[in-house]
Amino acid sequence: MPRPLTALIPRLREICGDDGVITDPHRRRTYESDGLTYHANTPGVVVLPTSTEQVAAVVRLCAEAGVPFVPRGAGTGLSAGALPDSDGVLVVTSRMRRIVEIDPADERAVVQPGVANLEVTRAAAPHGYYYAPDPSSQQVCSVGGNIAENSGGAHCLKYGFTVNHVLGLEVVTPQGEVVRIGGKAADAPGYDLLGAFVGSEGTLGIATEITVRLLRAPQKVRTLLAAFETMDAGGSAVSSIISAGVLPAAVEMMDALSIEAAEAAVACGYPPGAGAVLIVELDGPAADVDAQFEHATRLCREAGAFEVRTADEPAERARIWKGRKSAFAAVGRISPAYIVQDGVVPRTALPEVLGRIAELSADSGIRVANVFHAGDGNLHPLVLFDDAEPGASERAAEVSGKILDLCIEHGGSITGEHGVGVDKACQMPEMFSPADLETMDLFRSAFDPAGLANPDKLLPTPRLCGERPGIRKGVHPLVAEGAAEQF
C-alpha cells in the first residue's frame, strides 16, 4: 500500500469505524471493477461511510493529503466509471440507503445515494406514484450511481433521463465542503449547476442526498409486440408511429440474431420466422392509451407486421418483455464472448446505420446482434466472437469501435446511457475538438483544481489511448442469480 494511504488508515477508521474501512487485499478485490469487468484495478483502500458527515470528512482528508478518491454506488455501471485508483480511496455509498422522505403532496422523494432505483418506486407506490427513470439494473443499481451516469432506461423516450427528474442535491465537493443545489421547487435562477452535476461521473463531487420528482402512476398501460420479416419494415413502423404524433412510453426493437438468443435462453415464444420484433408500450389516461394503441397497431400492420400481439394485464406484458429484457444476457448462450456497445444516432439515421453495421459484420466475419431503444435511436449492438479463435478478439474490438465511428459520422454520440468512464475516454476526441475538451477540462478544474475526484474518467489522457471496449463472457453473475435484468 502506498505510504500516504498507510498514514490515512487510522484517521479513516476514526471517521467510518473499523467495519467501515477495508484494507484486506482479498476484500479490496471485491471492488476492483464495476459491471464492465474488462477494466479492473484493486483500490488502495475502501471506505463505507453511513452519513454525509463521514463522506465529507473522508474527502477532506483526501484533499489534505493529496490522495485521489473514487465514488462508487452499487457497481453496476458499464463504462468503468467507478474503476478504483490503486493509490486512492474508494468511497462506496452502499450503506447510505435510507429513504429520507416520500412527499406525495409535493410529488417529491428525498433519498440517500445508496438507495436502489426500484426502491423509490416501491416506497411511492402506496401513494399512487412512481419514479420514472428505469435502468435495466433498477433492482440493484443505486440512485447515486444513476446521478453520476445520468442513466436512462426503456421508458426514457417519453420520460427522459435522470437529469429530467432530479430537483435537488446535497453534494460533498472535492474539497470536502457540503453544499446544496436546488431543492423541492421546480426551478432555480442562475447557472444550471444541477444539470452540470448530473452525468459528471463523480468528477465534480459526491451526491449524498437526492431530491427527485415522483410521477402519478398511469391509469392504464398497454403493450404490443409486432413481428416483421425485416428490420427495415420494423424501422418503417417506428417512423410512422412517431411521425403520427403517437408518443409511446417505450419502443424497443430486436433483430433475428437477438431473437434467436432470447429464444435459446428464456423460450420467449416470439413469432417464428421474424426478422425483427418491435415492442411498443403506451401509458396514460385510459381513453388516450386506447386510441393511440389502436393507431399504433394499425401503423404496424400497414408497415408489414405479419403478427401483432397485445397485452393489457401485468402478467401478459411481462411475457412480451421477457425476451427483450433477457436479450443481453442471452447472447452468452450463443457466443463464447461478446462486447456490449452503446451509441446513439438520430432516429431517422437508424436504417442507414443498421445497414452499415450489417456490412461491417459481413466483411469481418464477426456476428452482431442488434437490440435497441428504437424510439430515440439508442443502439446496443452486441458484438459476438469466440475469444479462443486467434485474432477474433481484435477483429471484434475493431468492429465495435467502427460502430461508434458510424454513430459519430451520422450525427450521434458514443454513448446513450452507459457513460464515458475509462472505457470510452479515448473516443472523446473523435466527437469533440481540442478546444471543446479543453473547455470541459477547465470546467472540471473549477470544481476540482487538484484533480483528485475520480481521476482519469470522462476526459481522455494519453495513457488511455488504444484501450478497447470491454469484453464480456457468459452471463453476468447478478443476472444469473435473478438479481438484475439486462437490456
Foldseek 3Di string as FASTA:
>chain_A
DDPLVVVCVVVLCVLANPVFKDQPQVVQQVQQFALQVLHGDRALMEGEHQALLSQLVVLLSCVVSVAFEFEDELRHFQARLRRHDNRHYYYYHLNQADFPDCDVVLQKTKGFFRHQQQVQQVVCVVVQKGAPADAQFSLGTTNQQCQQQQFHHQQCLPVNTQLSWWAKFFWQFSNSDTDIDGDSDDDDDDDPVSSVRRNNSFLGTGTGMTMTGIGGFFPFKKKKKFFALAPVLVLQLLVVLVVVVHRFSGKKKWAPVLLVLLCVPPVLPDDPNGRMMIMTMHTHHPVVRVVSVVVSVVSSVVSGGPDMDMDTDPVVVCSVCSSLQARVQSVLVVAQKKFWFKKFAALVCVVVLVVVLVVLCVVLVWDWIWIARNNGRITTIITGDHPVDPPGVVSSQVSRVVSLVSRLVRVIHRHDGSHNFLQNQQCVCVNDPPVVLVVVVVVSCVRPVSQRGSHNTDHHDVVSPPDTHGMDGHGDPCVVVVSGTHD
